[in-house]
C-alpha atoms as a PDB file:
ATOM      1  CA  UNK A   1     -17.009  32.529 -55.878  1.00  0.00           C
ATOM      2  CA  UNK A   2     -16.509  29.181 -57.634  1.00  0.00           C
ATOM      3  CA  UNK A   3     -12.810  29.247 -56.730  1.00  0.00           C
ATOM      4  CA  UNK A   4     -13.752  30.127 -53.146  1.00  0.00           C
ATOM      5  CA  UNK A   5     -15.877  26.973 -52.923  1.00  0.00           C
ATOM      6  CA  UNK A   6     -12.785  24.930 -53.730  1.00  0.00           C
ATOM      7  CA  UNK A   7     -11.055  25.922 -50.465  1.00  0.00           C
ATOM      8  CA  UNK A   8     -10.215  22.661 -48.693  1.00  0.00           C
ATOM      9  CA  UNK A   9     -10.697  23.980 -45.146  1.00  0.00           C
ATOM     10  CA  UNK A  10     -14.106  24.842 -43.637  1.00  0.00           C
ATOM     11  CA  UNK A  11     -14.828  28.428 -44.696  1.00  0.00           C
ATOM     12  CA  UNK A  12     -17.692  30.907 -44.499  1.00  0.00           C
ATOM     13  CA  UNK A  13     -18.418  34.287 -46.097  1.00  0.00           C
ATOM     14  CA  UNK A  14     -20.377  36.514 -43.737  1.00  0.00           C
ATOM     15  CA  UNK A  15     -21.308  40.011 -42.667  1.00  0.00           C
ATOM     16  CA  UNK A  16     -20.454  41.126 -39.156  1.00  0.00           C
ATOM     17  CA  UNK A  17     -22.881  38.596 -37.699  1.00  0.00           C
ATOM     18  CA  UNK A  18     -24.734  36.692 -40.444  1.00  0.00           C
ATOM     19  CA  UNK A  19     -23.806  33.886 -42.860  1.00  0.00           C
ATOM     20  CA  UNK A  20     -23.872  34.554 -46.580  1.00  0.00           C
ATOM     21  CA  UNK A  21     -22.170  31.499 -48.047  1.00  0.00           C
ATOM     22  CA  UNK A  22     -20.422  28.359 -46.739  1.00  0.00           C
ATOM     23  CA  UNK A  23     -18.403  25.641 -48.455  1.00  0.00           C
ATOM     24  CA  UNK A  24     -18.762  21.848 -48.253  1.00  0.00           C
ATOM     25  CA  UNK A  25     -16.065  21.295 -45.565  1.00  0.00           C
ATOM     26  CA  UNK A  26     -17.904  23.820 -43.369  1.00  0.00           C
ATOM     27  CA  UNK A  27     -21.112  21.788 -43.732  1.00  0.00           C
ATOM     28  CA  UNK A  28     -19.267  18.596 -42.820  1.00  0.00           C
ATOM     29  CA  UNK A  29     -17.475  20.118 -39.834  1.00  0.00           C
ATOM     30  CA  UNK A  30     -20.681  21.390 -38.264  1.00  0.00           C
ATOM     31  CA  UNK A  31     -22.772  18.359 -39.197  1.00  0.00           C
ATOM     32  CA  UNK A  32     -25.160  20.293 -41.439  1.00  0.00           C
ATOM     33  CA  UNK A  33     -27.405  18.802 -44.106  1.00  0.00           C
ATOM     34  CA  UNK A  34     -26.925  19.800 -47.731  1.00  0.00           C
ATOM     35  CA  UNK A  35     -30.490  21.052 -48.076  1.00  0.00           C
ATOM     36  CA  UNK A  36     -30.281  23.364 -45.043  1.00  0.00           C
ATOM     37  CA  UNK A  37     -30.537  27.065 -45.782  1.00  0.00           C
ATOM     38  CA  UNK A  38     -27.710  28.870 -44.027  1.00  0.00           C
ATOM     39  CA  UNK A  39     -27.920  32.311 -45.611  1.00  0.00           C
ATOM     40  CA  UNK A  40     -29.051  34.779 -42.992  1.00  0.00           C
ATOM     41  CA  UNK A  41     -28.332  32.533 -40.005  1.00  0.00           C
ATOM     42  CA  UNK A  42     -26.307  34.114 -37.224  1.00  0.00           C
ATOM     43  CA  UNK A  43     -22.625  33.239 -36.907  1.00  0.00           C
ATOM     44  CA  UNK A  44     -23.126  32.927 -33.145  1.00  0.00           C
ATOM     45  CA  UNK A  45     -25.060  29.717 -33.842  1.00  0.00           C
ATOM     46  CA  UNK A  46     -21.829  28.118 -35.005  1.00  0.00           C
ATOM     47  CA  UNK A  47     -19.041  29.986 -33.181  1.00  0.00           C
ATOM     48  CA  UNK A  48     -19.205  31.109 -29.563  1.00  0.00           C
ATOM     49  CA  UNK A  49     -18.493  33.759 -28.550  1.00  0.00           C
ATOM     50  CA  UNK A  50     -19.085  35.698 -31.757  1.00  0.00           C
ATOM     51  CA  UNK A  51     -18.221  39.434 -31.386  1.00  0.00           C
ATOM     52  CA  UNK A  52     -20.564  40.813 -34.035  1.00  0.00           C
ATOM     53  CA  UNK A  53     -20.109  44.502 -33.233  1.00  0.00           C
ATOM     54  CA  UNK A  54     -16.324  44.423 -32.927  1.00  0.00           C
ATOM     55  CA  UNK A  55     -15.276  41.581 -35.229  1.00  0.00           C
ATOM     56  CA  UNK A  56     -11.567  41.017 -34.725  1.00  0.00           C
ATOM     57  CA  UNK A  57      -9.428  40.193 -37.720  1.00  0.00           C
ATOM     58  CA  UNK A  58      -6.712  37.551 -37.585  1.00  0.00           C
ATOM     59  CA  UNK A  59      -6.561  34.360 -35.499  1.00  0.00           C
ATOM     60  CA  UNK A  60      -8.558  33.647 -32.355  1.00  0.00           C
ATOM     61  CA  UNK A  61      -9.796  30.610 -30.466  1.00  0.00           C
ATOM     62  CA  UNK A  62     -13.449  29.934 -29.718  1.00  0.00           C
ATOM     63  CA  UNK A  63     -15.961  27.139 -29.251  1.00  0.00           C
ATOM     64  CA  UNK A  64     -17.529  25.493 -32.282  1.00  0.00           C
ATOM     65  CA  UNK A  65     -21.142  24.299 -31.960  1.00  0.00           C
ATOM     66  CA  UNK A  66     -22.333  21.441 -34.159  1.00  0.00           C
ATOM     67  CA  UNK A  67     -25.866  20.805 -35.324  1.00  0.00           C
ATOM     68  CA  UNK A  68     -26.279  17.893 -32.901  1.00  0.00           C
ATOM     69  CA  UNK A  69     -25.495  20.146 -29.919  1.00  0.00           C
ATOM     70  CA  UNK A  70     -21.942  18.927 -29.369  1.00  0.00           C
ATOM     71  CA  UNK A  71     -19.037  21.353 -29.271  1.00  0.00           C
ATOM     72  CA  UNK A  72     -15.341  21.414 -30.154  1.00  0.00           C
ATOM     73  CA  UNK A  73     -12.315  23.679 -29.749  1.00  0.00           C
ATOM     74  CA  UNK A  74     -12.081  25.864 -32.823  1.00  0.00           C
ATOM     75  CA  UNK A  75      -9.533  28.208 -34.350  1.00  0.00           C
ATOM     76  CA  UNK A  76     -11.069  31.042 -36.375  1.00  0.00           C
ATOM     77  CA  UNK A  77      -9.095  33.045 -38.953  1.00  0.00           C
ATOM     78  CA  UNK A  78     -11.033  36.108 -40.175  1.00  0.00           C
ATOM     79  CA  UNK A  79     -10.135  38.688 -42.824  1.00  0.00           C
ATOM     80  CA  UNK A  80     -11.981  41.338 -44.879  1.00  0.00           C
ATOM     81  CA  UNK A  81     -13.192  40.116 -48.273  1.00  0.00           C
ATOM     82  CA  UNK A  82     -15.168  42.860 -49.997  1.00  0.00           C
ATOM     83  CA  UNK A  83     -18.086  45.265 -49.521  1.00  0.00           C
ATOM     84  CA  UNK A  84     -21.698  44.665 -50.428  1.00  0.00           C
ATOM     85  CA  UNK A  85     -24.213  47.534 -50.392  1.00  0.00           C
ATOM     86  CA  UNK A  86     -21.611  49.581 -48.521  1.00  0.00           C
ATOM     87  CA  UNK A  87     -21.435  46.927 -45.774  1.00  0.00           C
ATOM     88  CA  UNK A  88     -18.183  45.051 -45.164  1.00  0.00           C
ATOM     89  CA  UNK A  89     -18.100  41.343 -45.971  1.00  0.00           C
ATOM     90  CA  UNK A  90     -15.652  38.976 -44.321  1.00  0.00           C
ATOM     91  CA  UNK A  91     -14.234  35.514 -44.865  1.00  0.00           C
ATOM     92  CA  UNK A  92     -13.482  33.181 -41.974  1.00  0.00           C
ATOM     93  CA  UNK A  93     -11.749  29.820 -42.017  1.00  0.00           C
ATOM     94  CA  UNK A  94     -12.617  27.438 -39.172  1.00  0.00           C
ATOM     95  CA  UNK A  95     -10.322  24.700 -37.917  1.00  0.00           C
ATOM     96  CA  UNK A  96     -11.074  21.976 -35.365  1.00  0.00           C
ATOM     97  CA  UNK A  97      -8.151  22.058 -32.918  1.00  0.00           C
ATOM     98  CA  UNK A  98      -9.590  19.681 -30.312  1.00  0.00           C
ATOM     99  CA  UNK A  99      -6.796  17.126 -30.820  1.00  0.00           C
ATOM    100  CA  UNK A 100      -4.118  19.787 -30.618  1.00  0.00           C
ATOM    101  CA  UNK A 101      -5.651  21.182 -27.413  1.00  0.00           C
ATOM    102  CA  UNK A 102      -5.821  17.680 -25.954  1.00  0.00           C
ATOM    103  CA  UNK A 103      -2.148  17.155 -26.825  1.00  0.00           C
ATOM    104  CA  UNK A 104      -1.222  20.489 -25.252  1.00  0.00           C
ATOM    105  CA  UNK A 105      -3.127  19.569 -22.086  1.00  0.00           C
ATOM    106  CA  UNK A 106      -1.256  16.255 -21.894  1.00  0.00           C
ATOM    107  CA  UNK A 107       2.074  18.019 -22.354  1.00  0.00           C
ATOM    108  CA  UNK A 108       1.167  20.487 -19.608  1.00  0.00           C
ATOM    109  CA  UNK A 109       0.198  17.602 -17.329  1.00  0.00           C
ATOM    110  CA  UNK A 110       3.535  15.918 -18.059  1.00  0.00           C
ATOM    111  CA  UNK A 111       5.414  19.106 -17.179  1.00  0.00           C
ATOM    112  CA  UNK A 112       3.433  19.439 -13.951  1.00  0.00           C
ATOM    113  CA  UNK A 113       4.174  15.838 -13.010  1.00  0.00           C
ATOM    114  CA  UNK A 114       7.876  16.365 -13.722  1.00  0.00           C
ATOM    115  CA  UNK A 115       7.942  19.415 -11.456  1.00  0.00           C
ATOM    116  CA  UNK A 116       5.926  17.514  -8.877  1.00  0.00           C
ATOM    117  CA  UNK A 117       8.423  14.648  -8.965  1.00  0.00           C
ATOM    118  CA  UNK A 118      11.315  17.001  -8.208  1.00  0.00           C
ATOM    119  CA  UNK A 119       9.432  18.664  -5.351  1.00  0.00           C
ATOM    120  CA  UNK A 120       8.310  15.302  -3.968  1.00  0.00           C
ATOM    121  CA  UNK A 121      11.899  14.078  -3.890  1.00  0.00           C
ATOM    122  CA  UNK A 122      13.000  17.125  -1.900  1.00  0.00           C
ATOM    123  CA  UNK A 123      10.113  16.696   0.554  1.00  0.00           C
ATOM    124  CA  UNK A 124      10.867  12.992   1.021  1.00  0.00           C
ATOM    125  CA  UNK A 125      14.516  13.659   1.812  1.00  0.00           C
ATOM    126  CA  UNK A 126      13.529  16.288   4.387  1.00  0.00           C
ATOM    127  CA  UNK A 127      11.123  14.031   6.304  1.00  0.00           C
ATOM    128  CA  UNK A 128      13.113  10.789   6.184  1.00  0.00           C
ATOM    129  CA  UNK A 129      15.564  11.791   8.930  1.00  0.00           C
ATOM    130  CA  UNK A 130      12.986  12.844  11.562  1.00  0.00           C
ATOM    131  CA  UNK A 131      10.970   9.726  10.787  1.00  0.00           C
ATOM    132  CA  UNK A 132      14.057   7.629  11.426  1.00  0.00           C
ATOM    133  CA  UNK A 133      14.422   9.325  14.816  1.00  0.00           C
ATOM    134  CA  UNK A 134      10.771   8.678  15.689  1.00  0.00           C
ATOM    135  CA  UNK A 135      11.154   4.998  14.847  1.00  0.00           C
ATOM    136  CA  UNK A 136      14.390   4.723  16.819  1.00  0.00           C
ATOM    137  CA  UNK A 137      12.967   6.222  20.026  1.00  0.00           C
ATOM    138  CA  UNK A 138       9.641   4.379  19.681  1.00  0.00           C
ATOM    139  CA  UNK A 139      11.497   1.070  19.463  1.00  0.00           C
ATOM    140  CA  UNK A 140      13.624   1.999  22.503  1.00  0.00           C
ATOM    141  CA  UNK A 141      10.464   2.791  24.487  1.00  0.00           C
ATOM    142  CA  UNK A 142       8.861  -0.485  23.391  1.00  0.00           C
ATOM    143  CA  UNK A 143      11.905  -2.464  24.529  1.00  0.00           C
ATOM    144  CA  UNK A 144      11.915  -0.689  27.914  1.00  0.00           C
ATOM    145  CA  UNK A 145       8.210  -1.357  28.561  1.00  0.00           C
ATOM    146  CA  UNK A 146       7.331  -4.374  30.706  1.00  0.00           C
ATOM    147  CA  UNK A 147       5.632  -7.230  28.868  1.00  0.00           C
ATOM    148  CA  UNK A 148       1.875  -6.650  28.617  1.00  0.00           C
ATOM    149  CA  UNK A 149       2.093  -2.937  29.453  1.00  0.00           C
ATOM    150  CA  UNK A 150      -1.027  -0.904  28.470  1.00  0.00           C
ATOM    151  CA  UNK A 151       1.049   1.460  26.322  1.00  0.00           C
ATOM    152  CA  UNK A 152       2.509  -1.378  24.281  1.00  0.00           C
ATOM    153  CA  UNK A 153      -0.269  -1.358  21.691  1.00  0.00           C
ATOM    154  CA  UNK A 154      -0.065   2.437  21.292  1.00  0.00           C
ATOM    155  CA  UNK A 155       3.708   2.319  20.817  1.00  0.00           C
ATOM    156  CA  UNK A 156       3.250  -0.438  18.234  1.00  0.00           C
ATOM    157  CA  UNK A 157       0.783   1.753  16.318  1.00  0.00           C
ATOM    158  CA  UNK A 158       3.260   4.664  16.416  1.00  0.00           C
ATOM    159  CA  UNK A 159       5.887   2.360  14.896  1.00  0.00           C
ATOM    160  CA  UNK A 160       3.477   1.127  12.229  1.00  0.00           C
ATOM    161  CA  UNK A 161       2.356   4.640  11.278  1.00  0.00           C
ATOM    162  CA  UNK A 162       5.905   6.007  11.217  1.00  0.00           C
ATOM    163  CA  UNK A 163       6.929   3.055   9.065  1.00  0.00           C
ATOM    164  CA  UNK A 164       4.004   3.814   6.773  1.00  0.00           C
ATOM    165  CA  UNK A 165       5.199   7.434   6.517  1.00  0.00           C
ATOM    166  CA  UNK A 166       8.600   6.182   5.428  1.00  0.00           C
ATOM    167  CA  UNK A 167       6.918   4.047   2.774  1.00  0.00           C
ATOM    168  CA  UNK A 168       5.000   7.117   1.611  1.00  0.00           C
ATOM    169  CA  UNK A 169       8.249   9.079   1.514  1.00  0.00           C
ATOM    170  CA  UNK A 170       9.759   6.320  -0.603  1.00  0.00           C
ATOM    171  CA  UNK A 171       6.712   6.555  -2.859  1.00  0.00           C
ATOM    172  CA  UNK A 172       7.338  10.283  -3.246  1.00  0.00           C
ATOM    173  CA  UNK A 173      10.929   9.587  -4.216  1.00  0.00           C
ATOM    174  CA  UNK A 174       9.679   7.135  -6.841  1.00  0.00           C
ATOM    175  CA  UNK A 175       6.941   9.476  -8.060  1.00  0.00           C
ATOM    176  CA  UNK A 176       6.878   9.396 -11.854  1.00  0.00           C
ATOM    177  CA  UNK A 177       9.284   6.449 -12.011  1.00  0.00           C
ATOM    178  CA  UNK A 178       8.428   2.907 -13.029  1.00  0.00           C
ATOM    179  CA  UNK A 179       9.924  -0.194 -11.432  1.00  0.00           C
ATOM    180  CA  UNK A 180       7.900  -3.214 -12.605  1.00  0.00           C
ATOM    181  CA  UNK A 181      10.924  -5.471 -12.141  1.00  0.00           C
ATOM    182  CA  UNK A 182      10.465  -5.178  -8.362  1.00  0.00           C
ATOM    183  CA  UNK A 183       6.818  -6.226  -8.399  1.00  0.00           C
ATOM    184  CA  UNK A 184       5.735  -9.218  -6.304  1.00  0.00           C
ATOM    185  CA  UNK A 185       2.414 -10.999  -5.569  1.00  0.00           C
ATOM    186  CA  UNK A 186       0.110  -8.718  -3.584  1.00  0.00           C
ATOM    187  CA  UNK A 187      -3.081  -9.586  -1.691  1.00  0.00           C
ATOM    188  CA  UNK A 188      -5.264  -6.508  -2.145  1.00  0.00           C
ATOM    189  CA  UNK A 189      -7.823  -7.589   0.474  1.00  0.00           C
ATOM    190  CA  UNK A 190      -5.086  -8.013   3.062  1.00  0.00           C
ATOM    191  CA  UNK A 191      -3.696  -4.560   2.289  1.00  0.00           C
ATOM    192  CA  UNK A 192      -7.145  -3.014   2.784  1.00  0.00           C
ATOM    193  CA  UNK A 193      -7.615  -4.682   6.186  1.00  0.00           C
ATOM    194  CA  UNK A 194      -4.128  -3.768   7.374  1.00  0.00           C
ATOM    195  CA  UNK A 195      -4.363  -0.140   6.266  1.00  0.00           C
ATOM    196  CA  UNK A 196      -7.733   0.331   7.943  1.00  0.00           C
ATOM    197  CA  UNK A 197      -6.356  -1.117  11.195  1.00  0.00           C
ATOM    198  CA  UNK A 198      -3.804   1.715  11.205  1.00  0.00           C
ATOM    199  CA  UNK A 199      -6.363   4.509  10.923  1.00  0.00           C
ATOM    200  CA  UNK A 200      -9.594   3.162  12.442  1.00  0.00           C
ATOM    201  CA  UNK A 201      -8.797   4.688  15.870  1.00  0.00           C
ATOM    202  CA  UNK A 202      -8.078   8.119  14.399  1.00  0.00           C
ATOM    203  CA  UNK A 203     -10.589  10.767  15.472  1.00  0.00           C
ATOM    204  CA  UNK A 204     -11.429  11.411  11.804  1.00  0.00           C
ATOM    205  CA  UNK A 205     -13.090   7.960  11.700  1.00  0.00           C
ATOM    206  CA  UNK A 206     -14.803   8.092  15.115  1.00  0.00           C
ATOM    207  CA  UNK A 207     -18.239   8.977  13.630  1.00  0.00           C
ATOM    208  CA  UNK A 208     -17.849   7.134  10.332  1.00  0.00           C
ATOM    209  CA  UNK A 209     -19.341   3.750   9.498  1.00  0.00           C
ATOM    210  CA  UNK A 210     -16.893   1.869   7.269  1.00  0.00           C
ATOM    211  CA  UNK A 211     -18.326  -1.173   5.507  1.00  0.00           C
ATOM    212  CA  UNK A 212     -16.306  -3.739   3.575  1.00  0.00           C
ATOM    213  CA  UNK A 213     -17.424  -5.925   0.696  1.00  0.00           C
ATOM    214  CA  UNK A 214     -14.259  -7.827  -0.194  1.00  0.00           C
ATOM    215  CA  UNK A 215     -14.475 -10.734  -2.622  1.00  0.00           C
ATOM    216  CA  UNK A 216     -13.264 -13.978  -1.092  1.00  0.00           C
ATOM    217  CA  UNK A 217     -10.460 -15.677  -2.966  1.00  0.00           C
ATOM    218  CA  UNK A 218      -9.558 -12.513  -4.851  1.00  0.00           C
ATOM    219  CA  UNK A 219      -6.555 -13.332  -7.082  1.00  0.00           C
ATOM    220  CA  UNK A 220      -3.252 -11.770  -6.113  1.00  0.00           C
ATOM    221  CA  UNK A 221      -1.801  -9.239  -8.523  1.00  0.00           C
ATOM    222  CA  UNK A 222       1.778  -8.336  -9.321  1.00  0.00           C
ATOM    223  CA  UNK A 223       2.667  -4.975  -7.836  1.00  0.00           C
ATOM    224  CA  UNK A 224       4.612  -2.874  -5.373  1.00  0.00           C
ATOM    225  CA  UNK A 225       3.037  -3.569  -1.985  1.00  0.00           C
ATOM    226  CA  UNK A 226       4.169  -0.282  -0.432  1.00  0.00           C
ATOM    227  CA  UNK A 227       2.760   1.795  -3.282  1.00  0.00           C
ATOM    228  CA  UNK A 228      -0.571  -0.066  -3.285  1.00  0.00           C
ATOM    229  CA  UNK A 229      -0.812   0.419   0.491  1.00  0.00           C
ATOM    230  CA  UNK A 230      -0.413   4.124  -0.165  1.00  0.00           C
ATOM    231  CA  UNK A 231      -3.234   4.038  -2.752  1.00  0.00           C
ATOM    232  CA  UNK A 232      -5.640   2.367  -0.308  1.00  0.00           C
ATOM    233  CA  UNK A 233      -4.658   4.707   2.527  1.00  0.00           C
ATOM    234  CA  UNK A 234      -5.055   7.811   0.328  1.00  0.00           C
ATOM    235  CA  UNK A 235      -8.513   6.793  -0.904  1.00  0.00           C
ATOM    236  CA  UNK A 236      -9.876   5.940   2.543  1.00  0.00           C
ATOM    237  CA  UNK A 237      -8.588   9.165   4.091  1.00  0.00           C
ATOM    238  CA  UNK A 238      -9.843  11.151   1.097  1.00  0.00           C
ATOM    239  CA  UNK A 239     -13.334   9.637   1.536  1.00  0.00           C
ATOM    240  CA  UNK A 240     -13.323  10.390   5.277  1.00  0.00           C
ATOM    241  CA  UNK A 241     -12.334  14.006   4.665  1.00  0.00           C
ATOM    242  CA  UNK A 242     -15.000  14.347   1.943  1.00  0.00           C
ATOM    243  CA  UNK A 243     -17.757  13.542   4.457  1.00  0.00           C
ATOM    244  CA  UNK A 244     -16.154  15.700   7.176  1.00  0.00           C
ATOM    245  CA  UNK A 245     -15.759  12.761   9.537  1.00  0.00           C
ATOM    246  CA  UNK A 246     -19.451  11.822   9.645  1.00  0.00           C
ATOM    247  CA  UNK A 247     -21.204   9.401   7.304  1.00  0.00           C
ATOM    248  CA  UNK A 248     -20.618   6.104   5.532  1.00  0.00           C
ATOM    249  CA  UNK A 249     -17.747   4.664   3.500  1.00  0.00           C
ATOM    250  CA  UNK A 250     -17.924   1.458   1.476  1.00  0.00           C
ATOM    251  CA  UNK A 251     -14.740  -0.325   0.381  1.00  0.00           C
ATOM    252  CA  UNK A 252     -15.196  -3.217  -2.024  1.00  0.00           C
ATOM    253  CA  UNK A 253     -13.116  -5.483  -4.254  1.00  0.00           C
ATOM    254  CA  UNK A 254     -14.055  -7.812  -7.082  1.00  0.00           C
ATOM    255  CA  UNK A 255     -12.560  -9.727  -9.980  1.00  0.00           C
ATOM    256  CA  UNK A 256     -13.531  -9.226 -13.603  1.00  0.00           C
ATOM    257  CA  UNK A 257     -13.118 -12.531 -15.437  1.00  0.00           C
ATOM    258  CA  UNK A 258     -14.012 -10.915 -18.764  1.00  0.00           C
ATOM    259  CA  UNK A 259     -11.252  -8.298 -18.826  1.00  0.00           C
ATOM    260  CA  UNK A 260      -8.809 -10.043 -16.453  1.00  0.00           C
ATOM    261  CA  UNK A 261      -8.439  -7.377 -13.789  1.00  0.00           C
ATOM    262  CA  UNK A 262      -9.353  -6.693 -10.168  1.00  0.00           C
ATOM    263  CA  UNK A 263     -11.454  -3.752  -9.097  1.00  0.00           C
ATOM    264  CA  UNK A 264     -11.086  -1.641  -5.984  1.00  0.00           C
ATOM    265  CA  UNK A 265     -13.956   0.727  -5.199  1.00  0.00           C
ATOM    266  CA  UNK A 266     -14.053   3.316  -2.429  1.00  0.00           C
ATOM    267  CA  UNK A 267     -17.284   5.288  -2.152  1.00  0.00           C
ATOM    268  CA  UNK A 268     -18.675   7.740   0.369  1.00  0.00           C
ATOM    269  CA  UNK A 269     -21.904   9.470   1.379  1.00  0.00           C
ATOM    270  CA  UNK A 270     -20.457  12.963   0.978  1.00  0.00           C
ATOM    271  CA  UNK A 271     -21.422  15.800  -1.389  1.00  0.00           C
ATOM    272  CA  UNK A 272     -19.797  14.177  -4.430  1.00  0.00           C
ATOM    273  CA  UNK A 273     -17.596  15.790  -7.074  1.00  0.00           C
ATOM    274  CA  UNK A 274     -19.095  18.075  -9.759  1.00  0.00           C
ATOM    275  CA  UNK A 275     -18.724  16.887 -13.342  1.00  0.00           C
ATOM    276  CA  UNK A 276     -16.520  19.842 -14.345  1.00  0.00           C
ATOM    277  CA  UNK A 277     -13.997  19.053 -11.581  1.00  0.00           C
ATOM    278  CA  UNK A 278     -13.582  15.329 -12.228  1.00  0.00           C
ATOM    279  CA  UNK A 279     -10.889  15.767 -14.882  1.00  0.00           C
ATOM    280  CA  UNK A 280      -8.903  18.111 -12.629  1.00  0.00           C
ATOM    281  CA  UNK A 281      -8.846  16.201  -9.331  1.00  0.00           C
ATOM    282  CA  UNK A 282      -5.899  14.033 -10.381  1.00  0.00           C
ATOM    283  CA  UNK A 283      -3.736  17.063 -11.204  1.00  0.00           C
ATOM    284  CA  UNK A 284      -0.942  17.895  -8.728  1.00  0.00           C
ATOM    285  CA  UNK A 285      -1.940  20.491  -6.102  1.00  0.00           C
ATOM    286  CA  UNK A 286      -5.578  20.590  -7.240  1.00  0.00           C
ATOM    287  CA  UNK A 287      -7.980  20.134  -4.320  1.00  0.00           C
ATOM    288  CA  UNK A 288     -11.721  20.504  -3.778  1.00  0.00           C
ATOM    289  CA  UNK A 289     -11.251  20.898  -0.024  1.00  0.00           C
ATOM    290  CA  UNK A 290     -11.578  24.191   1.798  1.00  0.00           C
ATOM    291  CA  UNK A 291      -8.522  26.426   2.082  1.00  0.00           C
ATOM    292  CA  UNK A 292      -5.962  24.626   4.205  1.00  0.00           C
ATOM    293  CA  UNK A 293      -7.948  21.382   4.103  1.00  0.00           C
ATOM    294  CA  UNK A 294      -5.701  19.496   1.708  1.00  0.00           C
ATOM    295  CA  UNK A 295      -2.470  19.625  -0.260  1.00  0.00           C
ATOM    296  CA  UNK A 296      -3.897  18.370  -3.541  1.00  0.00           C
ATOM    297  CA  UNK A 297      -1.189  15.695  -3.727  1.00  0.00           C
ATOM    298  CA  UNK A 298      -2.949  12.515  -2.566  1.00  0.00           C
ATOM    299  CA  UNK A 299      -5.022  11.812  -5.670  1.00  0.00           C
ATOM    300  CA  UNK A 300      -2.276  12.821  -8.114  1.00  0.00           C
ATOM    301  CA  UNK A 301       0.148  10.422  -6.418  1.00  0.00           C
ATOM    302  CA  UNK A 302      -2.555   7.732  -6.389  1.00  0.00           C
ATOM    303  CA  UNK A 303      -3.145   8.316 -10.108  1.00  0.00           C
ATOM    304  CA  UNK A 304       0.588   7.956 -10.830  1.00  0.00           C
ATOM    305  CA  UNK A 305       0.868   4.698  -8.859  1.00  0.00           C
ATOM    306  CA  UNK A 306      -2.161   3.182 -10.584  1.00  0.00           C
ATOM    307  CA  UNK A 307      -0.773   4.099 -14.005  1.00  0.00           C
ATOM    308  CA  UNK A 308       2.610   2.561 -13.165  1.00  0.00           C
ATOM    309  CA  UNK A 309       0.776  -0.676 -12.373  1.00  0.00           C
ATOM    310  CA  UNK A 310      -0.877  -0.591 -15.799  1.00  0.00           C
ATOM    311  CA  UNK A 311      -4.254   0.259 -14.275  1.00  0.00           C
ATOM    312  CA  UNK A 312      -6.868   2.988 -14.527  1.00  0.00           C
ATOM    313  CA  UNK A 313      -8.618   5.170 -11.964  1.00  0.00           C
ATOM    314  CA  UNK A 314     -11.901   6.975 -12.504  1.00  0.00           C
ATOM    315  CA  UNK A 315     -14.511   8.788 -10.450  1.00  0.00           C
ATOM    316  CA  UNK A 316     -18.290   8.592 -10.666  1.00  0.00           C
ATOM    317  CA  UNK A 317     -21.408   9.116  -8.562  1.00  0.00           C
ATOM    318  CA  UNK A 318     -21.899   6.696  -5.678  1.00  0.00           C
ATOM    319  CA  UNK A 319     -25.188   5.095  -4.675  1.00  0.00           C
ATOM    320  CA  UNK A 320     -24.353   6.374  -1.190  1.00  0.00           C
ATOM    321  CA  UNK A 321     -24.826   9.895  -2.537  1.00  0.00           C
ATOM    322  CA  UNK A 322     -21.192  10.979  -2.761  1.00  0.00           C
ATOM    323  CA  UNK A 323     -18.223  10.030  -4.933  1.00  0.00           C
ATOM    324  CA  UNK A 324     -17.085   6.588  -6.081  1.00  0.00           C
ATOM    325  CA  UNK A 325     -13.434   6.038  -6.934  1.00  0.00           C
ATOM    326  CA  UNK A 326     -12.916   2.963  -9.106  1.00  0.00           C
ATOM    327  CA  UNK A 327      -9.483   1.452  -9.691  1.00  0.00           C
ATOM    328  CA  UNK A 328      -8.890  -1.324 -12.223  1.00  0.00           C
ATOM    329  CA  UNK A 329      -5.622  -3.236 -11.911  1.00  0.00           C
ATOM    330  CA  UNK A 330      -4.601  -5.841 -14.524  1.00  0.00           C
ATOM    331  CA  UNK A 331      -4.157  -9.507 -13.683  1.00  0.00           C
ATOM    332  CA  UNK A 332      -1.793 -10.481 -16.495  1.00  0.00           C
ATOM    333  CA  UNK A 333       0.751 -11.572 -13.893  1.00  0.00           C
ATOM    334  CA  UNK A 334      -1.795 -12.679 -11.305  1.00  0.00           C
ATOM    335  CA  UNK A 335      -0.868 -15.395  -8.846  1.00  0.00           C
ATOM    336  CA  UNK A 336      -2.669 -17.490  -6.314  1.00  0.00           C
ATOM    337  CA  UNK A 337      -1.908 -18.444  -2.735  1.00  0.00           C
ATOM    338  CA  UNK A 338      -0.918 -16.384   0.260  1.00  0.00           C
ATOM    339  CA  UNK A 339       1.813 -13.791   0.463  1.00  0.00           C
END
């Protein structure tokens, strides 16, 4: 057994379900103290699930449980070792594969985003032509209307919204691409006010109280105005849908002098987002809405735009009771003055 103790990887000798002997790397991996007595302790305390009655030989993946209660992704390699009092004895080598799993998840996310980019490009091409027709006829109607006609404002909103759809289509075409060379000074507060003016009359917002807490004199940041408009629009609509058109939304901005970035926060009084879903909501086609209630694209596109601007987006609990989406955008190329 002395040679067995020299195995460099975490290893354990055990019966079908109980520890007999462990080596030093095993103790270190699971955060165990040297003086702890492990003989006779159940393997299920360290590896979950542990199939004691039908122990499978070879390689399998499971969850490792450390002494402090934390867990990690584990790879378990088991093989027969010998017999003791007519009972089989096994040897298992444990490996922490958390980093490898994290890398695999990132690769999968990259593949999904690549596929999403191709699909988004096809969708954008399909909707660009009808949008061009809508804009053409809306402008013709506007020109034919007498000055001061009651329908003038409605036609103007149709033109603005159709134009916004074309910007979104352009954003879909650029999904996954980076074009920092085209960035220009952007007034985030102005974008928020303009985007809300486009949707405030929509029936979705008829029973919603939208409050704004926008920092005066917020520095301008370097970015793509059209893409940042899309971010603001996506977050406000997402919040409105989360509260089913009834409740409160708070949109706020602020500057962080310490870390040189601006913050955009959109929070709602809805049901919130469970902890186990927060890492998934930015994946393409993932949605927490009821069947048919969402495409699962809005937040993934938002996430991509924020990343292209060198920023970060996260979700947390809101003091309003629902979800809080926080976006941090860097101010390395910040400018002052009006657009």
